[in-house]
Amino acid sequence: MNAINSLIQKLPEEAKDLQVNAERVLKGESLDSEQTWGVALASAYFIRHSALIAAILADAKAAGVSNAIMADAKAAAALMGMNTVYFRFRHLMDSDNYNHRPINLRMTRMQQVATSRLNFELFSIGPATLAGCEMCLKAHEAAVKKDGMNEDNIHDAVRIASVLNGIAVAFDADYL
């Protein structure tokens, strides 16, 4: 975790909690190393903070995370960039006029994963949380639970996404 530690060392005292929390959640708690870094990568890509992406990517590579995990994380972030907007719209409008229309958006990559459907669904939870898309969160939670994960795993994925988002906010608040 050299790259992320170097990055978060630049945070001011006011953001010290984020530094402590990042060290905690990125060590992996209920998720294995590849799942932890996959969630972190998908979340960082979704947040779109270049320094954060570079640090997470460097540390994931240093941890031996496979190219397939990195590919699924990037794909999950990209698809969630589309899906969280679309499905949040449907949920917010709560109208049969929209909810009964065909979705008609390609999402083939969700079925053609590089690692496992479980990983892809898990990696989608961070972006769904960050976007506040209830429909996406519930769908991805159900999918990972069906494949054997539990609330601890989901909770840890959400904690990773939230801490990384806090770091990006701190840097965007011109702390540097």
C-alpha atoms as a PDB file:
ATOM      1  CA  MET A   1       0.000   0.000   0.000  1.00  0.00           C
ATOM      2  CA  ASN A   2       2.905   2.297  -0.674  1.00  0.00           C
ATOM      3  CA  ALA A   3       1.234   4.384  -3.373  1.00  0.00           C
ATOM      4  CA  ILE A   4      -2.028   5.019  -1.520  1.00  0.00           C
ATOM      5  CA  ASN A   5      -0.107   5.719   1.685  1.00  0.00           C
ATOM      6  CA  SER A   6       2.076   8.242  -0.138  1.00  0.00           C
ATOM      7  CA  LEU A   7      -1.024   9.905  -1.517  1.00  0.00           C
ATOM      8  CA  ILE A   8      -2.978  10.085   1.713  1.00  0.00           C
ATOM      9  CA  GLN A   9       0.055  11.358   3.630  1.00  0.00           C
ATOM     10  CA  LYS A  10      -0.577  14.595   1.728  1.00  0.00           C
ATOM     11  CA  LEU A  11      -3.969  15.025   3.365  1.00  0.00           C
ATOM     12  CA  PRO A  12      -4.100  17.692   6.074  1.00  0.00           C
ATOM     13  CA  GLU A  13      -4.788  17.044   9.725  1.00  0.00           C
ATOM     14  CA  GLU A  14      -8.483  17.800   9.117  1.00  0.00           C
ATOM     15  CA  ALA A  15      -8.694  14.672   6.972  1.00  0.00           C
ATOM     16  CA  LYS A  16      -6.659  12.396   9.258  1.00  0.00           C
ATOM     17  CA  ASP A  17      -9.647  10.075   9.761  1.00  0.00           C
ATOM     18  CA  LEU A  18      -9.563   9.238   6.048  1.00  0.00           C
ATOM     19  CA  GLN A  19      -5.926   8.220   6.288  1.00  0.00           C
ATOM     20  CA  VAL A  20      -6.605   5.863   9.197  1.00  0.00           C
ATOM     21  CA  ASN A  21      -9.743   4.493   7.550  1.00  0.00           C
ATOM     22  CA  ALA A  22      -8.023   3.883   4.202  1.00  0.00           C
ATOM     23  CA  GLU A  23      -5.300   1.866   5.872  1.00  0.00           C
ATOM     24  CA  ARG A  24      -7.957  -0.185   7.656  1.00  0.00           C
ATOM     25  CA  VAL A  25     -10.330  -0.940   4.787  1.00  0.00           C
ATOM     26  CA  LEU A  26      -7.647  -1.620   2.178  1.00  0.00           C
ATOM     27  CA  LYS A  27      -5.963  -4.271   4.331  1.00  0.00           C
ATOM     28  CA  GLY A  28      -8.998  -6.418   3.654  1.00  0.00           C
ATOM     29  CA  GLU A  29     -11.348  -7.483   6.351  1.00  0.00           C
ATOM     30  CA  SER A  30     -14.035  -9.914   5.190  1.00  0.00           C
ATOM     31  CA  LEU A  31     -12.973  -9.747   1.522  1.00  0.00           C
ATOM     32  CA  ASP A  32      -9.928 -11.462   0.080  1.00  0.00           C
ATOM     33  CA  SER A  33      -7.117  -9.371  -1.404  1.00  0.00           C
ATOM     34  CA  GLU A  34      -8.326  -9.521  -5.005  1.00  0.00           C
ATOM     35  CA  GLN A  35     -11.881  -8.631  -3.990  1.00  0.00           C
ATOM     36  CA  THR A  36     -10.671  -5.766  -1.801  1.00  0.00           C
ATOM     37  CA  TRP A  37      -8.533  -4.290  -4.576  1.00  0.00           C
ATOM     38  CA  GLY A  38     -11.220  -4.964  -7.195  1.00  0.00           C
ATOM     39  CA  VAL A  39     -13.784  -3.028  -5.166  1.00  0.00           C
ATOM     40  CA  ALA A  40     -11.232  -0.258  -4.591  1.00  0.00           C
ATOM     41  CA  LEU A  41     -10.379  -0.053  -8.291  1.00  0.00           C
ATOM     42  CA  ALA A  42     -13.999  -0.013  -9.439  1.00  0.00           C
ATOM     43  CA  SER A  43     -14.767   2.689  -6.880  1.00  0.00           C
ATOM     44  CA  ALA A  44     -11.722   4.790  -7.803  1.00  0.00           C
ATOM     45  CA  TYR A  45     -12.543   4.564 -11.517  1.00  0.00           C
ATOM     46  CA  PHE A  46     -16.132   5.558 -10.758  1.00  0.00           C
ATOM     47  CA  ILE A  47     -14.988   8.510  -8.627  1.00  0.00           C
ATOM     48  CA  ARG A  48     -12.754   9.646 -11.533  1.00  0.00           C
ATOM     49  CA  HIS A  49      -9.945  11.104  -9.450  1.00  0.00           C
ATOM     50  CA  SER A  50      -6.738  10.485 -11.430  1.00  0.00           C
ATOM     51  CA  ALA A  51      -4.278  10.504  -8.516  1.00  0.00           C
ATOM     52  CA  LEU A  52      -6.495   8.135  -6.546  1.00  0.00           C
ATOM     53  CA  ILE A  53      -6.868   5.804  -9.526  1.00  0.00           C
ATOM     54  CA  ALA A  54      -3.107   5.749 -10.091  1.00  0.00           C
ATOM     55  CA  ALA A  55      -2.378   4.989  -6.433  1.00  0.00           C
ATOM     56  CA  ILE A  56      -4.975   2.217  -6.139  1.00  0.00           C
ATOM     57  CA  LEU A  57      -3.865   0.709  -9.450  1.00  0.00           C
ATOM     58  CA  ALA A  58      -0.187   0.737  -8.419  1.00  0.00           C
ATOM     59  CA  ASP A  59      -0.932  -0.899  -5.078  1.00  0.00           C
ATOM     60  CA  ALA A  60      -3.239  -3.477  -6.652  1.00  0.00           C
ATOM     61  CA  LYS A  61      -0.481  -4.454  -9.083  1.00  0.00           C
ATOM     62  CA  ALA A  62       2.050  -4.584  -6.232  1.00  0.00           C
ATOM     63  CA  ALA A  63      -0.331  -6.876  -4.324  1.00  0.00           C
ATOM     64  CA  GLY A  64      -0.344  -9.259  -7.288  1.00  0.00           C
ATOM     65  CA  VAL A  65      -3.899  -8.575  -8.369  1.00  0.00           C
ATOM     66  CA  SER A  66      -4.561 -10.251 -11.700  1.00  0.00           C
ATOM     67  CA  ASN A  67      -5.173  -8.406 -14.936  1.00  0.00           C
ATOM     68  CA  ALA A  68      -8.568 -10.110 -15.074  1.00  0.00           C
ATOM     69  CA  ILE A  69      -9.607  -8.567 -11.733  1.00  0.00           C
ATOM     70  CA  MET A  70      -8.428  -5.162 -12.938  1.00  0.00           C
ATOM     71  CA  ALA A  71     -10.381  -5.577 -16.184  1.00  0.00           C
ATOM     72  CA  ASP A  72     -13.572  -6.562 -14.361  1.00  0.00           C
ATOM     73  CA  ALA A  73     -13.184  -3.613 -11.970  1.00  0.00           C
ATOM     74  CA  LYS A  74     -12.811  -1.171 -14.844  1.00  0.00           C
ATOM     75  CA  ALA A  75     -15.746  -2.699 -16.712  1.00  0.00           C
ATOM     76  CA  ALA A  76     -17.931  -2.623 -13.590  1.00  0.00           C
ATOM     77  CA  ALA A  77     -17.173   1.071 -13.075  1.00  0.00           C
ATOM     78  CA  ALA A  78     -17.939   1.909 -16.697  1.00  0.00           C
ATOM     79  CA  LEU A  79     -21.218   0.012 -16.832  1.00  0.00           C
ATOM     80  CA  MET A  80     -22.286   1.372 -13.476  1.00  0.00           C
ATOM     81  CA  GLY A  81     -21.633   4.856 -14.837  1.00  0.00           C
ATOM     82  CA  MET A  82     -24.480   4.177 -17.252  1.00  0.00           C
ATOM     83  CA  ASN A  83     -26.684   1.929 -15.141  1.00  0.00           C
ATOM     84  CA  THR A  84     -26.764   4.059 -12.003  1.00  0.00           C
ATOM     85  CA  VAL A  85     -28.075   7.025 -13.971  1.00  0.00           C
ATOM     86  CA  TYR A  86     -30.632   5.022 -15.917  1.00  0.00           C
ATOM     87  CA  PHE A  87     -31.981   2.900 -13.077  1.00  0.00           C
ATOM     88  CA  ARG A  88     -31.993   5.759 -10.592  1.00  0.00           C
ATOM     89  CA  PHE A  89     -34.114   7.677 -13.127  1.00  0.00           C
ATOM     90  CA  ARG A  90     -36.587   4.805 -13.347  1.00  0.00           C
ATOM     91  CA  HIS A  91     -36.736   4.497  -9.592  1.00  0.00           C
ATOM     92  CA  LEU A  92     -37.162   8.224  -8.974  1.00  0.00           C
ATOM     93  CA  MET A  93     -39.835   8.638 -11.618  1.00  0.00           C
ATOM     94  CA  ASP A  94     -41.724   5.567 -10.368  1.00  0.00           C
ATOM     95  CA  SER A  95     -43.886   5.621 -13.463  1.00  0.00           C
ATOM     96  CA  ASP A  96     -45.275   2.765 -15.489  1.00  0.00           C
ATOM     97  CA  ASN A  97     -44.681   4.976 -18.520  1.00  0.00           C
ATOM     98  CA  TYR A  98     -40.932   4.469 -18.003  1.00  0.00           C
ATOM     99  CA  ASN A  99     -40.712   1.259 -15.989  1.00  0.00           C
ATOM    100  CA  HIS A 100     -42.489  -0.850 -18.604  1.00  0.00           C
ATOM    101  CA  ARG A 101     -40.386   0.362 -21.506  1.00  0.00           C
ATOM    102  CA  PRO A 102     -37.613  -1.935 -22.671  1.00  0.00           C
ATOM    103  CA  ILE A 103     -34.263  -0.970 -21.209  1.00  0.00           C
ATOM    104  CA  ASN A 104     -32.588  -1.399 -24.589  1.00  0.00           C
ATOM    105  CA  LEU A 105     -29.079  -0.688 -23.271  1.00  0.00           C
ATOM    106  CA  ARG A 106     -26.277  -3.130 -23.935  1.00  0.00           C
ATOM    107  CA  MET A 107     -24.811  -4.712 -20.782  1.00  0.00           C
ATOM    108  CA  THR A 108     -23.218  -7.817 -22.247  1.00  0.00           C
ATOM    109  CA  ARG A 109     -19.960  -7.332 -20.312  1.00  0.00           C
ATOM    110  CA  MET A 110     -21.835  -8.128 -17.094  1.00  0.00           C
ATOM    111  CA  GLN A 111     -22.388 -11.637 -18.470  1.00  0.00           C
ATOM    112  CA  GLN A 112     -18.967 -12.004 -20.096  1.00  0.00           C
ATOM    113  CA  VAL A 113     -16.754 -11.435 -17.082  1.00  0.00           C
ATOM    114  CA  ALA A 114     -13.011 -11.976 -16.952  1.00  0.00           C
ATOM    115  CA  THR A 115     -13.054 -13.521 -13.464  1.00  0.00           C
ATOM    116  CA  SER A 116     -16.403 -14.497 -11.986  1.00  0.00           C
ATOM    117  CA  ARG A 117     -19.917 -13.157 -11.921  1.00  0.00           C
ATOM    118  CA  LEU A 118     -19.598 -12.869  -8.135  1.00  0.00           C
ATOM    119  CA  ASN A 119     -16.571 -10.560  -8.435  1.00  0.00           C
ATOM    120  CA  PHE A 120     -18.219  -8.419 -11.090  1.00  0.00           C
ATOM    121  CA  GLU A 121     -21.367  -8.023  -8.993  1.00  0.00           C
ATOM    122  CA  LEU A 122     -19.289  -7.235  -5.899  1.00  0.00           C
ATOM    123  CA  PHE A 123     -17.228  -4.641  -7.787  1.00  0.00           C
ATOM    124  CA  SER A 124     -20.491  -2.992  -8.881  1.00  0.00           C
ATOM    125  CA  ILE A 125     -21.588  -2.350  -5.289  1.00  0.00           C
ATOM    126  CA  GLY A 126     -19.108   0.494  -4.694  1.00  0.00           C
ATOM    127  CA  PRO A 127     -20.205   2.523  -7.728  1.00  0.00           C
ATOM    128  CA  ALA A 128     -23.881   1.806  -6.992  1.00  0.00           C
ATOM    129  CA  THR A 129     -23.379   3.160  -3.484  1.00  0.00           C
ATOM    130  CA  LEU A 130     -21.481   6.205  -4.700  1.00  0.00           C
ATOM    131  CA  ALA A 131     -24.273   7.020  -7.138  1.00  0.00           C
ATOM    132  CA  GLY A 132     -26.995   6.400  -4.575  1.00  0.00           C
ATOM    133  CA  CYS A 133     -28.867   4.069  -6.892  1.00  0.00           C
ATOM    134  CA  GLU A 134     -31.236   2.015  -4.761  1.00  0.00           C
ATOM    135  CA  MET A 135     -32.263  -0.322  -7.578  1.00  0.00           C
ATOM    136  CA  CYS A 136     -28.636  -1.091  -8.456  1.00  0.00           C
ATOM    137  CA  LEU A 137     -27.636  -1.610  -4.839  1.00  0.00           C
ATOM    138  CA  LYS A 138     -30.462  -4.020  -4.171  1.00  0.00           C
ATOM    139  CA  ALA A 139     -29.845  -5.958  -7.379  1.00  0.00           C
ATOM    140  CA  HIS A 140     -26.092  -6.338  -6.788  1.00  0.00           C
ATOM    141  CA  GLU A 141     -26.581  -7.148  -3.114  1.00  0.00           C
ATOM    142  CA  ALA A 142     -29.021  -9.928  -4.022  1.00  0.00           C
ATOM    143  CA  ALA A 143     -26.629 -11.294  -6.658  1.00  0.00           C
ATOM    144  CA  VAL A 144     -23.614 -11.507  -4.335  1.00  0.00           C
ATOM    145  CA  LYS A 145     -25.704 -12.996  -1.531  1.00  0.00           C
ATOM    146  CA  LYS A 146     -27.021 -15.621  -3.964  1.00  0.00           C
ATOM    147  CA  ASP A 147     -23.395 -16.525  -4.717  1.00  0.00           C
ATOM    148  CA  GLY A 148     -22.501 -16.956  -1.047  1.00  0.00           C
ATOM    149  CA  MET A 149     -21.454 -13.555   0.219  1.00  0.00           C
ATOM    150  CA  ASN A 150     -22.963 -11.946   3.286  1.00  0.00           C
ATOM    151  CA  GLU A 151     -23.680  -8.561   4.835  1.00  0.00           C
ATOM    152  CA  ASP A 152     -20.112  -8.285   6.183  1.00  0.00           C
ATOM    153  CA  ASN A 153     -18.732  -8.582   2.649  1.00  0.00           C
ATOM    154  CA  ILE A 154     -21.189  -6.035   1.279  1.00  0.00           C
ATOM    155  CA  HIS A 155     -20.596  -3.690   4.195  1.00  0.00           C
ATOM    156  CA  ASP A 156     -16.833  -3.828   3.620  1.00  0.00           C
ATOM    157  CA  ALA A 157     -17.282  -3.054  -0.089  1.00  0.00           C
ATOM    158  CA  VAL A 158     -19.386  -0.007   0.798  1.00  0.00           C
ATOM    159  CA  ARG A 159     -16.837   1.127   3.389  1.00  0.00           C
ATOM    160  CA  ILE A 160     -14.041   0.947   0.796  1.00  0.00           C
ATOM    161  CA  ALA A 161     -16.042   3.045  -1.668  1.00  0.00           C
ATOM    162  CA  SER A 162     -17.014   5.594   0.954  1.00  0.00           C
ATOM    163  CA  VAL A 163     -13.469   6.080   2.266  1.00  0.00           C
ATOM    164  CA  LEU A 164     -12.073   6.503  -1.240  1.00  0.00           C
ATOM    165  CA  ASN A 165     -14.801   9.008  -2.026  1.00  0.00           C
ATOM    166  CA  GLY A 166     -13.890  10.961   1.115  1.00  0.00           C
ATOM    167  CA  ILE A 167     -10.256  11.046   0.014  1.00  0.00           C
ATOM    168  CA  ALA A 168     -11.223  12.374  -3.414  1.00  0.00           C
ATOM    169  CA  VAL A 169     -13.448  15.028  -1.825  1.00  0.00           C
ATOM    170  CA  ALA A 170     -10.621  16.073   0.480  1.00  0.00           C
ATOM    171  CA  PHE A 171      -8.244  16.499  -2.440  1.00  0.00           C
ATOM    172  CA  ASP A 172     -10.844  18.276  -4.549  1.00  0.00           C
ATOM    173  CA  ALA A 173     -11.437  20.658  -1.656  1.00  0.00           C
ATOM    174  CA  ASP A 174      -7.969  22.002  -2.489  1.00  0.00           C
ATOM    175  CA  TYR A 175      -6.270  20.631   0.597  1.00  0.00           C
ATOM    176  CA  LEU A 176      -2.991  20.191  -1.262  1.00  0.00           C
END
